[in-house]
Amino acid sequence: MKPGPLLAALLLGAAASGWSAPFAYVPNEKAGTVSVVDTERDSVVAVLHVAGRPRGIAISADGRRLYLSDQANNALAIVDLGRRELEGRIPLGQSPEGLALSRDGRWLAAAVEEANAVVLIDTASAAVAATIPTQGRNPEHAAFSPDGHWLYVTAEEGAQVDVVDLASRRQVAAIEVGRRPRGIAFTADGRHAYVACELDSTVYVIDTAAQRPIARIAAGEFSNGVAIAPDGGRVYISNGRGASVSVIDTASRRVVATVPAGQRPWNMALTPDGAKLYVANGRSNTVSVIDTQRLVKVAEVPVGQAPWGVAIR
C-alpha cells in the first residue's frame, strides 16, 4: 500500500503547513480506499488504497495504527499510519462489520455477522484473544463500557442488545430494545448507553447499572448511527432514510434539532472538542460536516464510493 508521490506530497504538505486539527479517516467500502480529511479545512488531503471492502474503522490509542474490518477478505486490516502501509491482516470470520476500541486501547472488538459472534483482539500482540458467540443474529456494532467491564453488541436481525462480560468473555444478558438495533454508544460516565433501532426509527436509553431501557425517543426515519458529545449533553443520531441527523438533549431526552445531511447517512464521529460532527453518507459518496454549536451543515466533502463510517483521533 505504497502512498505514491502525490499522497506523500499531500501529507508532507499538511505537516509542513502546521495544521493542528486532527484528521478524519473515512473507509469507502466499494472503492477499497480510506479518505483522509483535514478537519480544519474540511478537504481530503490523502487517499489510502487498502483494497478489499473496508467497513468498520478504529484508530489505536497512540494514533500509530488504523484498524479496518475488511469484508472482502474476512479480516482485520492493520495500517501503519506513519509509513502509510498495510502492516498485516488478522482473520476474523465471514463478513466483519463494526469495530470498537476499549478506552485504554488494549482491546479491539469486531462484530462478525456470519459468525454470529464478536471477536476480541489483543492490540499489543495483534492476535485474537477470544471469539464470543452472541444471541442476536448478524451482529453489526459493539461498544465497550468506559470502565471496561462490559461489551454491548447490536445485531441486524434482533430486537435486543447482547451484554458480554469481559472478565468471563461470555454473554451474560440481553436487553430488549426495538427492531434492528444498529449504532450504540456509552456516555462518558458509563451510566447510560444509547442505541438506535432502525426499523422503529427510535432511540433507546439504557440504564447500565440496571441493564434495562429507561426511555424511548422518536428519531428520524431509519435511525442508524450514534455519536455522543464529549460533555454528554447531546446525542447525535443519523437517519438513513431521512437524510438527516437528529440532535437529542440528554437532560430532557428530547430531539431539539434536525440537521440535513447527505443521502443514506450512516456512521459518524465528532472532533475531540465536540465542535464538529462528521457524517458518512453511503449513497452521496460524501461526508457531511455539522457545526455542533450552530447545528447547521457547513460542508459536504466528496470522498470515495460508499463511505461506511468515520474515525477521528
C-alpha atoms as a PDB file:
ATOM      1  CA  MET A   1       0.000   0.000   0.000  1.00  0.00           C
ATOM      2  CA  LYS A   2       2.686   2.462  -1.033  1.00  0.00           C
ATOM      3  CA  PRO A   3       1.441   6.067  -0.894  1.00  0.00           C
ATOM      4  CA  GLY A   4       2.990   7.254  -4.172  1.00  0.00           C
ATOM      5  CA  PRO A   5       4.436  10.717  -4.848  1.00  0.00           C
ATOM      6  CA  LEU A   6       1.121  12.589  -4.789  1.00  0.00           C
ATOM      7  CA  LEU A   7      -0.056  11.100  -1.497  1.00  0.00           C
ATOM      8  CA  ALA A   8       3.325  11.625   0.134  1.00  0.00           C
ATOM      9  CA  ALA A   9       3.406  15.231  -1.038  1.00  0.00           C
ATOM     10  CA  LEU A  10      -0.089  15.891   0.294  1.00  0.00           C
ATOM     11  CA  LEU A  11       0.697  14.516   3.740  1.00  0.00           C
ATOM     12  CA  LEU A  12       4.080  16.217   3.926  1.00  0.00           C
ATOM     13  CA  GLY A  13       2.416  19.469   2.895  1.00  0.00           C
ATOM     14  CA  ALA A  14      -0.167  19.062   5.632  1.00  0.00           C
ATOM     15  CA  ALA A  15       2.575  18.562   8.219  1.00  0.00           C
ATOM     16  CA  ALA A  16       4.648  21.480   6.920  1.00  0.00           C
ATOM     17  CA  SER A  17       1.705  23.870   6.976  1.00  0.00           C
ATOM     18  CA  GLY A  18       1.338  23.396  10.720  1.00  0.00           C
ATOM     19  CA  TRP A  19      -2.288  22.245  10.645  1.00  0.00           C
ATOM     20  CA  SER A  20      -3.237  21.470  14.203  1.00  0.00           C
ATOM     21  CA  ALA A  21      -6.664  19.970  13.623  1.00  0.00           C
ATOM     22  CA  PRO A  22      -6.932  16.167  13.626  1.00  0.00           C
ATOM     23  CA  PHE A  23      -7.557  14.054  10.570  1.00  0.00           C
ATOM     24  CA  ALA A  24     -10.821  12.227   9.940  1.00  0.00           C
ATOM     25  CA  TYR A  25     -10.450   8.808   8.321  1.00  0.00           C
ATOM     26  CA  VAL A  26     -13.306   7.602   6.117  1.00  0.00           C
ATOM     27  CA  PRO A  27     -13.439   3.984   4.847  1.00  0.00           C
ATOM     28  CA  ASN A  28     -15.005   3.796   1.386  1.00  0.00           C
ATOM     29  CA  GLU A  29     -16.412   0.278   1.147  1.00  0.00           C
ATOM     30  CA  LYS A  30     -16.910  -0.033  -2.612  1.00  0.00           C
ATOM     31  CA  ALA A  31     -13.759   1.888  -3.537  1.00  0.00           C
ATOM     32  CA  GLY A  32     -11.357  -0.075  -1.312  1.00  0.00           C
ATOM     33  CA  THR A  33      -9.898   3.182  -0.021  1.00  0.00           C
ATOM     34  CA  VAL A  34      -9.710   5.405   3.037  1.00  0.00           C
ATOM     35  CA  SER A  35     -10.144   9.152   2.533  1.00  0.00           C
ATOM     36  CA  VAL A  36      -8.099  11.336   4.888  1.00  0.00           C
ATOM     37  CA  VAL A  37      -9.932  14.590   5.671  1.00  0.00           C
ATOM     38  CA  ASP A  38      -8.268  17.571   7.323  1.00  0.00           C
ATOM     39  CA  THR A  39     -10.836  18.758   9.879  1.00  0.00           C
ATOM     40  CA  GLU A  40      -9.602  22.344   9.855  1.00  0.00           C
ATOM     41  CA  ARG A  41     -10.124  22.917   6.144  1.00  0.00           C
ATOM     42  CA  ASP A  42     -12.689  20.164   5.569  1.00  0.00           C
ATOM     43  CA  SER A  43     -10.987  18.798   2.499  1.00  0.00           C
ATOM     44  CA  VAL A  44      -9.467  15.451   1.507  1.00  0.00           C
ATOM     45  CA  VAL A  45      -5.668  15.624   1.776  1.00  0.00           C
ATOM     46  CA  ALA A  46      -4.862  11.981   1.024  1.00  0.00           C
ATOM     47  CA  VAL A  47      -6.331   8.684  -0.125  1.00  0.00           C
ATOM     48  CA  LEU A  48      -5.058   5.379   1.251  1.00  0.00           C
ATOM     49  CA  HIS A  49      -5.539   2.432  -1.096  1.00  0.00           C
ATOM     50  CA  VAL A  50      -6.215  -0.520   1.212  1.00  0.00           C
ATOM     51  CA  ALA A  51      -8.086  -2.795  -1.252  1.00  0.00           C
ATOM     52  CA  GLY A  52     -10.836  -5.161  -0.110  1.00  0.00           C
ATOM     53  CA  ARG A  53     -14.079  -3.688   1.260  1.00  0.00           C
ATOM     54  CA  PRO A  54     -13.271  -1.570   4.328  1.00  0.00           C
ATOM     55  CA  ARG A  55     -16.179  -1.066   6.703  1.00  0.00           C
ATOM     56  CA  GLY A  56     -15.629  -0.627  10.428  1.00  0.00           C
ATOM     57  CA  ILE A  57     -12.788   1.650  11.488  1.00  0.00           C
ATOM     58  CA  ALA A  58     -10.847   2.498  14.646  1.00  0.00           C
ATOM     59  CA  ILE A  59      -7.600   4.290  15.477  1.00  0.00           C
ATOM     60  CA  SER A  60      -5.127   2.892  18.017  1.00  0.00           C
ATOM     61  CA  ALA A  61      -4.749   4.750  21.304  1.00  0.00           C
ATOM     62  CA  ASP A  62      -1.291   6.011  20.300  1.00  0.00           C
ATOM     63  CA  GLY A  63      -2.506   7.107  16.861  1.00  0.00           C
ATOM     64  CA  ARG A  64       0.005   4.943  15.032  1.00  0.00           C
ATOM     65  CA  ARG A  65      -2.319   2.362  13.540  1.00  0.00           C
ATOM     66  CA  LEU A  66      -5.584   2.324  11.689  1.00  0.00           C
ATOM     67  CA  TYR A  67      -7.820  -0.732  12.085  1.00  0.00           C
ATOM     68  CA  LEU A  68     -10.307  -1.661   9.363  1.00  0.00           C
ATOM     69  CA  SER A  69     -12.767  -4.530   9.077  1.00  0.00           C
ATOM     70  CA  ASP A  70     -12.275  -5.903   5.559  1.00  0.00           C
ATOM     71  CA  GLN A  71     -15.414  -7.685   4.376  1.00  0.00           C
ATOM     72  CA  ALA A  72     -13.822  -8.959   1.143  1.00  0.00           C
ATOM     73  CA  ASN A  73     -11.015 -10.750   2.998  1.00  0.00           C
ATOM     74  CA  ASN A  74     -12.981 -11.564   6.189  1.00  0.00           C
ATOM     75  CA  ALA A  75     -10.178  -9.982   8.158  1.00  0.00           C
ATOM     76  CA  LEU A  76      -8.988  -7.078  10.241  1.00  0.00           C
ATOM     77  CA  ALA A  77      -6.635  -4.914   8.176  1.00  0.00           C
ATOM     78  CA  ILE A  78      -3.970  -3.049  10.158  1.00  0.00           C
ATOM     79  CA  VAL A  79      -2.461   0.063   8.567  1.00  0.00           C
ATOM     80  CA  ASP A  80       0.733   1.678   9.841  1.00  0.00           C
ATOM     81  CA  LEU A  81      -0.127   5.386   9.617  1.00  0.00           C
ATOM     82  CA  GLY A  82       3.478   6.520   9.914  1.00  0.00           C
ATOM     83  CA  ARG A  83       4.572   4.536   6.866  1.00  0.00           C
ATOM     84  CA  ARG A  84       1.087   4.576   5.320  1.00  0.00           C
ATOM     85  CA  GLU A  85       1.420   0.880   4.574  1.00  0.00           C
ATOM     86  CA  LEU A  86      -0.641  -2.213   5.218  1.00  0.00           C
ATOM     87  CA  GLU A  87       1.009  -3.886   8.208  1.00  0.00           C
ATOM     88  CA  GLY A  88      -0.989  -7.098   8.089  1.00  0.00           C
ATOM     89  CA  ARG A  89      -4.357  -8.820   8.346  1.00  0.00           C
ATOM     90  CA  ILE A  90      -5.921 -10.922  11.102  1.00  0.00           C
ATOM     91  CA  PRO A  91      -8.652 -13.446  10.142  1.00  0.00           C
ATOM     92  CA  LEU A  92     -11.963 -12.597  11.818  1.00  0.00           C
ATOM     93  CA  GLY A  93     -14.644 -14.753  10.231  1.00  0.00           C
ATOM     94  CA  GLN A  94     -17.167 -14.133   7.482  1.00  0.00           C
ATOM     95  CA  SER A  95     -18.465 -10.574   6.975  1.00  0.00           C
ATOM     96  CA  PRO A  96     -16.925  -8.420   9.725  1.00  0.00           C
ATOM     97  CA  GLU A  97     -18.533  -5.024  10.353  1.00  0.00           C
ATOM     98  CA  GLY A  98     -18.264  -2.578  13.244  1.00  0.00           C
ATOM     99  CA  LEU A  99     -15.101  -2.109  15.315  1.00  0.00           C
ATOM    100  CA  ALA A 100     -14.707  -0.713  18.813  1.00  0.00           C
ATOM    101  CA  LEU A 101     -11.613   0.120  20.869  1.00  0.00           C
ATOM    102  CA  SER A 102     -11.563  -0.053  24.664  1.00  0.00           C
ATOM    103  CA  ARG A 103     -10.831   3.186  26.485  1.00  0.00           C
ATOM    104  CA  ASP A 104      -7.318   2.033  27.469  1.00  0.00           C
ATOM    105  CA  GLY A 105      -6.613   0.900  23.896  1.00  0.00           C
ATOM    106  CA  ARG A 106      -5.798  -2.650  24.985  1.00  0.00           C
ATOM    107  CA  TRP A 107      -8.730  -4.409  23.317  1.00  0.00           C
ATOM    108  CA  LEU A 108     -10.359  -4.166  19.926  1.00  0.00           C
ATOM    109  CA  ALA A 109     -13.768  -5.738  19.336  1.00  0.00           C
ATOM    110  CA  ALA A 110     -15.072  -6.716  15.894  1.00  0.00           C
ATOM    111  CA  ALA A 111     -18.702  -7.638  15.231  1.00  0.00           C
ATOM    112  CA  VAL A 112     -18.730 -10.504  12.733  1.00  0.00           C
ATOM    113  CA  GLU A 113     -22.082 -11.078  11.010  1.00  0.00           C
ATOM    114  CA  GLU A 114     -21.990 -14.602   9.632  1.00  0.00           C
ATOM    115  CA  ALA A 115     -20.031 -15.965  12.593  1.00  0.00           C
ATOM    116  CA  ASN A 116     -22.740 -14.623  14.897  1.00  0.00           C
ATOM    117  CA  ALA A 117     -20.013 -13.545  17.276  1.00  0.00           C
ATOM    118  CA  VAL A 118     -17.864 -10.706  18.457  1.00  0.00           C
ATOM    119  CA  VAL A 119     -14.107 -11.210  18.152  1.00  0.00           C
ATOM    120  CA  LEU A 120     -11.854  -9.766  20.851  1.00  0.00           C
ATOM    121  CA  ILE A 121      -8.346  -8.788  19.711  1.00  0.00           C
ATOM    122  CA  ASP A 122      -5.345  -8.016  21.907  1.00  0.00           C
ATOM    123  CA  THR A 123      -3.846  -4.908  20.286  1.00  0.00           C
ATOM    124  CA  ALA A 124      -0.462  -5.425  21.971  1.00  0.00           C
ATOM    125  CA  SER A 125       0.085  -8.829  20.363  1.00  0.00           C
ATOM    126  CA  ALA A 126      -2.163  -8.246  17.327  1.00  0.00           C
ATOM    127  CA  ALA A 127      -3.796 -11.618  17.982  1.00  0.00           C
ATOM    128  CA  VAL A 128      -7.319 -12.901  18.547  1.00  0.00           C
ATOM    129  CA  ALA A 129      -7.888 -13.401  22.280  1.00  0.00           C
ATOM    130  CA  ALA A 130     -11.453 -14.732  22.110  1.00  0.00           C
ATOM    131  CA  THR A 131     -14.389 -15.357  19.808  1.00  0.00           C
ATOM    132  CA  ILE A 132     -17.575 -14.799  21.809  1.00  0.00           C
ATOM    133  CA  PRO A 133     -20.918 -16.094  20.459  1.00  0.00           C
ATOM    134  CA  THR A 134     -23.873 -13.704  20.715  1.00  0.00           C
ATOM    135  CA  GLN A 135     -27.607 -14.389  20.635  1.00  0.00           C
ATOM    136  CA  GLY A 136     -28.558 -11.627  18.205  1.00  0.00           C
ATOM    137  CA  ARG A 137     -28.176 -12.683  14.559  1.00  0.00           C
ATOM    138  CA  ASN A 138     -25.855 -10.733  12.258  1.00  0.00           C
ATOM    139  CA  PRO A 139     -24.072  -8.591  14.869  1.00  0.00           C
ATOM    140  CA  GLU A 140     -23.148  -5.203  13.440  1.00  0.00           C
ATOM    141  CA  HIS A 141     -21.776  -2.927  16.147  1.00  0.00           C
ATOM    142  CA  ALA A 142     -20.082  -3.249  19.515  1.00  0.00           C
ATOM    143  CA  ALA A 143     -19.226  -0.733  22.239  1.00  0.00           C
ATOM    144  CA  PHE A 144     -17.042  -1.033  25.355  1.00  0.00           C
ATOM    145  CA  SER A 145     -18.312   0.424  28.608  1.00  0.00           C
ATOM    146  CA  PRO A 146     -15.917   3.128  29.878  1.00  0.00           C
ATOM    147  CA  ASP A 147     -14.957   1.027  32.912  1.00  0.00           C
ATOM    148  CA  GLY A 148     -14.043  -1.931  30.697  1.00  0.00           C
ATOM    149  CA  HIS A 149     -16.467  -4.355  32.357  1.00  0.00           C
ATOM    150  CA  TRP A 150     -18.990  -4.760  29.563  1.00  0.00           C
ATOM    151  CA  LEU A 151     -19.190  -5.055  25.827  1.00  0.00           C
ATOM    152  CA  TYR A 152     -22.575  -4.207  24.314  1.00  0.00           C
ATOM    153  CA  VAL A 153     -23.351  -5.757  20.905  1.00  0.00           C
ATOM    154  CA  THR A 154     -26.171  -4.934  18.470  1.00  0.00           C
ATOM    155  CA  ALA A 155     -27.412  -7.151  15.644  1.00  0.00           C
ATOM    156  CA  GLU A 156     -29.370  -6.546  12.450  1.00  0.00           C
ATOM    157  CA  GLU A 157     -31.743  -9.466  12.980  1.00  0.00           C
ATOM    158  CA  GLY A 158     -32.615  -8.826  16.566  1.00  0.00           C
ATOM    159  CA  ALA A 159     -34.510  -6.618  18.994  1.00  0.00           C
ATOM    160  CA  GLN A 160     -32.007  -6.713  21.829  1.00  0.00           C
ATOM    161  CA  VAL A 161     -28.596  -5.585  22.970  1.00  0.00           C
ATOM    162  CA  ASP A 162     -26.365  -8.506  23.913  1.00  0.00           C
ATOM    163  CA  VAL A 163     -24.266  -7.893  27.024  1.00  0.00           C
ATOM    164  CA  VAL A 164     -20.841  -9.551  27.176  1.00  0.00           C
ATOM    165  CA  ASP A 165     -18.929  -9.777  30.445  1.00  0.00           C
ATOM    166  CA  LEU A 166     -15.313  -9.114  29.508  1.00  0.00           C
ATOM    167  CA  ALA A 167     -13.876 -10.893  32.532  1.00  0.00           C
ATOM    168  CA  SER A 168     -15.560 -14.202  31.708  1.00  0.00           C
ATOM    169  CA  ARG A 169     -15.715 -13.475  27.949  1.00  0.00           C
ATOM    170  CA  ARG A 170     -19.259 -14.683  27.533  1.00  0.00           C
ATOM    171  CA  GLN A 171     -22.707 -13.218  27.028  1.00  0.00           C
ATOM    172  CA  VAL A 172     -24.457 -12.779  30.362  1.00  0.00           C
ATOM    173  CA  ALA A 173     -27.589 -10.797  29.478  1.00  0.00           C
ATOM    174  CA  ALA A 174     -29.802  -9.478  26.695  1.00  0.00           C
ATOM    175  CA  ILE A 175     -31.528  -6.090  26.955  1.00  0.00           C
ATOM    176  CA  GLU A 176     -34.769  -5.819  24.983  1.00  0.00           C
ATOM    177  CA  VAL A 177     -34.906  -2.828  22.626  1.00  0.00           C
ATOM    178  CA  GLY A 178     -36.511  -2.035  19.247  1.00  0.00           C
ATOM    179  CA  ARG A 179     -36.144  -3.807  15.922  1.00  0.00           C
ATOM    180  CA  ARG A 180     -32.808  -3.901  14.111  1.00  0.00           C
ATOM    181  CA  PRO A 181     -30.589  -2.126  16.653  1.00  0.00           C
ATOM    182  CA  ARG A 182     -27.543  -0.624  14.944  1.00  0.00           C
ATOM    183  CA  GLY A 183     -25.378   2.193  16.313  1.00  0.00           C
ATOM    184  CA  ILE A 184     -24.618   2.191  20.030  1.00  0.00           C
ATOM    185  CA  ALA A 185     -22.542   4.398  22.335  1.00  0.00           C
ATOM    186  CA  PHE A 186     -21.963   4.921  26.053  1.00  0.00           C
ATOM    187  CA  THR A 187     -21.939   8.265  27.823  1.00  0.00           C
ATOM    188  CA  ALA A 188     -18.508   9.169  29.197  1.00  0.00           C
ATOM    189  CA  ASP A 189     -19.575   8.408  32.778  1.00  0.00           C
ATOM    190  CA  GLY A 190     -20.843   4.974  31.703  1.00  0.00           C
ATOM    191  CA  ARG A 191     -24.255   5.434  33.313  1.00  0.00           C
ATOM    192  CA  HIS A 192     -26.207   5.257  30.074  1.00  0.00           C
ATOM    193  CA  ALA A 193     -25.956   3.763  26.617  1.00  0.00           C
ATOM    194  CA  TYR A 194     -27.871   4.998  23.579  1.00  0.00           C
ATOM    195  CA  VAL A 195     -28.868   2.595  20.823  1.00  0.00           C
ATOM    196  CA  ALA A 196     -30.521   3.462  17.503  1.00  0.00           C
ATOM    197  CA  CYS A 197     -33.148   0.962  16.350  1.00  0.00           C
ATOM    198  CA  GLU A 198     -33.520   1.324  12.610  1.00  0.00           C
ATOM    199  CA  LEU A 199     -36.850  -0.321  11.801  1.00  0.00           C
ATOM    200  CA  ASP A 200     -38.616   1.509  14.624  1.00  0.00           C
ATOM    201  CA  SER A 201     -36.873   4.867  13.974  1.00  0.00           C
ATOM    202  CA  THR A 202     -36.393   5.028  17.728  1.00  0.00           C
ATOM    203  CA  VAL A 203     -33.506   5.563  20.140  1.00  0.00           C
ATOM    204  CA  TYR A 204     -33.424   3.583  23.379  1.00  0.00           C
ATOM    205  CA  VAL A 205     -31.688   4.867  26.513  1.00  0.00           C
ATOM    206  CA  ILE A 206     -30.268   2.054  28.628  1.00  0.00           C
ATOM    207  CA  ASP A 207     -29.535   2.348  32.347  1.00  0.00           C
ATOM    208  CA  THR A 208     -26.305   0.357  32.501  1.00  0.00           C
ATOM    209  CA  ALA A 209     -26.484  -0.318  36.254  1.00  0.00           C
ATOM    210  CA  ALA A 210     -29.945  -1.841  35.957  1.00  0.00           C
ATOM    211  CA  GLN A 211     -29.241  -3.259  32.460  1.00  0.00           C
ATOM    212  CA  ARG A 212     -32.630  -2.123  31.159  1.00  0.00           C
ATOM    213  CA  PRO A 213     -34.125   0.621  28.961  1.00  0.00           C
ATOM    214  CA  ILE A 214     -35.425   3.682  30.792  1.00  0.00           C
ATOM    215  CA  ALA A 215     -36.532   5.824  27.842  1.00  0.00           C
ATOM    216  CA  ARG A 216     -37.507   5.664  24.173  1.00  0.00           C
ATOM    217  CA  ILE A 217     -37.001   8.673  21.913  1.00  0.00           C
ATOM    218  CA  ALA A 218     -38.525   9.003  18.449  1.00  0.00           C
ATOM    219  CA  ALA A 219     -35.813   9.968  15.944  1.00  0.00           C
ATOM    220  CA  GLY A 220     -35.812  10.442  12.166  1.00  0.00           C
ATOM    221  CA  GLU A 221     -36.685   7.767   9.639  1.00  0.00           C
ATOM    222  CA  PHE A 222     -34.445   4.696   9.915  1.00  0.00           C
ATOM    223  CA  SER A 223     -32.258   5.876  12.801  1.00  0.00           C
ATOM    224  CA  ASN A 224     -28.826   4.357  12.488  1.00  0.00           C
ATOM    225  CA  GLY A 225     -25.523   5.817  13.742  1.00  0.00           C
ATOM    226  CA  VAL A 226     -24.885   7.211  17.244  1.00  0.00           C
ATOM    227  CA  ALA A 227     -22.324   9.760  18.462  1.00  0.00           C
ATOM    228  CA  ILE A 228     -22.248  11.366  21.928  1.00  0.00           C
ATOM    229  CA  ALA A 229     -20.796  14.792  22.697  1.00  0.00           C
ATOM    230  CA  PRO A 230     -17.708  14.735  24.962  1.00  0.00           C
ATOM    231  CA  ASP A 231     -19.586  16.605  27.707  1.00  0.00           C
ATOM    232  CA  GLY A 232     -22.520  14.213  27.449  1.00  0.00           C
ATOM    233  CA  GLY A 233     -25.019  16.988  26.803  1.00  0.00           C
ATOM    234  CA  ARG A 234     -26.104  15.842  23.370  1.00  0.00           C
ATOM    235  CA  VAL A 235     -26.515  12.661  21.373  1.00  0.00           C
ATOM    236  CA  TYR A 236     -26.432  12.694  17.581  1.00  0.00           C
ATOM    237  CA  ILE A 237     -28.402  10.143  15.559  1.00  0.00           C
ATOM    238  CA  SER A 238     -28.045   9.647  11.806  1.00  0.00           C
ATOM    239  CA  ASN A 239     -31.310   8.885   9.996  1.00  0.00           C
ATOM    240  CA  GLY A 240     -30.626   6.704   6.974  1.00  0.00           C
ATOM    241  CA  ARG A 241     -33.857   7.201   5.077  1.00  0.00           C
ATOM    242  CA  GLY A 242     -34.418  10.680   6.474  1.00  0.00           C
ATOM    243  CA  ALA A 243     -31.098  12.053   5.129  1.00  0.00           C
ATOM    244  CA  SER A 244     -30.643  13.927   8.378  1.00  0.00           C
ATOM    245  CA  VAL A 245     -29.137  13.930  11.869  1.00  0.00           C
ATOM    246  CA  SER A 246     -31.351  14.182  14.956  1.00  0.00           C
ATOM    247  CA  VAL A 247     -29.901  16.064  17.931  1.00  0.00           C
ATOM    248  CA  ILE A 248     -31.040  14.800  21.337  1.00  0.00           C
ATOM    249  CA  ASP A 249     -30.668  16.789  24.535  1.00  0.00           C
ATOM    250  CA  THR A 250     -29.719  14.239  27.193  1.00  0.00           C
ATOM    251  CA  ALA A 251     -31.210  16.222  30.090  1.00  0.00           C
ATOM    252  CA  SER A 252     -34.715  16.423  28.614  1.00  0.00           C
ATOM    253  CA  ARG A 253     -34.341  13.340  26.363  1.00  0.00           C
ATOM    254  CA  ARG A 254     -35.941  15.258  23.525  1.00  0.00           C
ATOM    255  CA  VAL A 255     -34.945  15.922  19.933  1.00  0.00           C
ATOM    256  CA  VAL A 256     -34.008  19.614  19.874  1.00  0.00           C
ATOM    257  CA  ALA A 257     -32.918  19.897  16.232  1.00  0.00           C
ATOM    258  CA  THR A 258     -32.814  18.014  12.945  1.00  0.00           C
ATOM    259  CA  VAL A 259     -29.925  18.847  10.616  1.00  0.00           C
ATOM    260  CA  PRO A 260     -29.901  17.875   6.908  1.00  0.00           C
ATOM    261  CA  ALA A 261     -27.129  15.513   5.779  1.00  0.00           C
ATOM    262  CA  GLY A 262     -26.376  13.614   2.557  1.00  0.00           C
ATOM    263  CA  GLN A 263     -28.148  10.551   1.236  1.00  0.00           C
ATOM    264  CA  ARG A 264     -28.059   7.452   3.451  1.00  0.00           C
ATOM    265  CA  PRO A 265     -26.168   8.952   6.404  1.00  0.00           C
ATOM    266  CA  TRP A 266     -24.593   6.137   8.332  1.00  0.00           C
ATOM    267  CA  ASN A 267     -21.834   6.143  10.940  1.00  0.00           C
ATOM    268  CA  MET A 268     -20.344   9.309  12.429  1.00  0.00           C
ATOM    269  CA  ALA A 269     -17.594  10.789  14.576  1.00  0.00           C
ATOM    270  CA  LEU A 270     -17.001  14.004  16.499  1.00  0.00           C
ATOM    271  CA  THR A 271     -13.815  16.024  16.711  1.00  0.00           C
ATOM    272  CA  PRO A 272     -12.213  15.706  20.170  1.00  0.00           C
ATOM    273  CA  ASP A 273     -13.547  19.123  21.219  1.00  0.00           C
ATOM    274  CA  GLY A 274     -17.024  18.192  20.033  1.00  0.00           C
ATOM    275  CA  ALA A 275     -17.217  21.232  17.755  1.00  0.00           C
ATOM    276  CA  LYS A 276     -17.774  19.324  14.501  1.00  0.00           C
ATOM    277  CA  LEU A 277     -19.639  16.170  13.589  1.00  0.00           C
ATOM    278  CA  TYR A 278     -18.580  14.190  10.509  1.00  0.00           C
ATOM    279  CA  VAL A 279     -21.281  12.015   8.913  1.00  0.00           C
ATOM    280  CA  ALA A 280     -20.563   9.357   6.269  1.00  0.00           C
ATOM    281  CA  ASN A 281     -23.216   9.388   3.526  1.00  0.00           C
ATOM    282  CA  GLY A 282     -23.247   5.975   1.855  1.00  0.00           C
ATOM    283  CA  ARG A 283     -25.229   6.961  -1.227  1.00  0.00           C
ATOM    284  CA  SER A 284     -23.957  10.503  -1.723  1.00  0.00           C
ATOM    285  CA  ASN A 285     -20.294   9.421  -1.555  1.00  0.00           C
ATOM    286  CA  THR A 286     -19.696  12.386   0.728  1.00  0.00           C
ATOM    287  CA  VAL A 287     -19.119  13.327   4.345  1.00  0.00           C
ATOM    288  CA  SER A 288     -21.400  15.978   5.812  1.00  0.00           C
ATOM    289  CA  VAL A 289     -19.760  18.345   8.310  1.00  0.00           C
ATOM    290  CA  ILE A 290     -22.054  19.734  11.001  1.00  0.00           C
ATOM    291  CA  ASP A 291     -21.225  22.680  13.249  1.00  0.00           C
ATOM    292  CA  THR A 292     -22.500  21.445  16.612  1.00  0.00           C
ATOM    293  CA  GLN A 293     -22.767  24.926  18.140  1.00  0.00           C
ATOM    294  CA  ARG A 294     -24.977  26.374  15.405  1.00  0.00           C
ATOM    295  CA  LEU A 295     -26.452  22.992  14.447  1.00  0.00           C
ATOM    296  CA  VAL A 296     -26.045  23.600  10.737  1.00  0.00           C
ATOM    297  CA  LYS A 297     -24.275  21.742   7.954  1.00  0.00           C
ATOM    298  CA  VAL A 298     -21.201  23.724   6.980  1.00  0.00           C
ATOM    299  CA  ALA A 299     -19.606  21.460   4.349  1.00  0.00           C
ATOM    300  CA  GLU A 300     -20.170  18.451   2.129  1.00  0.00           C
ATOM    301  CA  VAL A 301     -16.835  16.742   1.432  1.00  0.00           C
ATOM    302  CA  PRO A 302     -16.609  14.359  -1.565  1.00  0.00           C
ATOM    303  CA  VAL A 303     -14.920  11.064  -0.658  1.00  0.00           C
ATOM    304  CA  GLY A 304     -14.862   7.576  -2.219  1.00  0.00           C
ATOM    305  CA  GLN A 305     -17.677   5.252  -3.164  1.00  0.00           C
ATOM    306  CA  ALA A 306     -19.970   4.061  -0.355  1.00  0.00           C
ATOM    307  CA  PRO A 307     -18.357   5.617   2.745  1.00  0.00           C
ATOM    308  CA  TRP A 308     -19.185   3.429   5.758  1.00  0.00           C
ATOM    309  CA  GLY A 309     -18.102   5.496   8.729  1.00  0.00           C
ATOM    310  CA  VAL A 310     -15.629   7.954  10.241  1.00  0.00           C
ATOM    311  CA  ALA A 311     -12.868   7.769  12.849  1.00  0.00           C
ATOM    312  CA  ILE A 312     -11.157  10.805  14.389  1.00  0.00           C
ATOM    313  CA  ARG A 313      -8.411  10.787  16.971  1.00  0.00           C
END
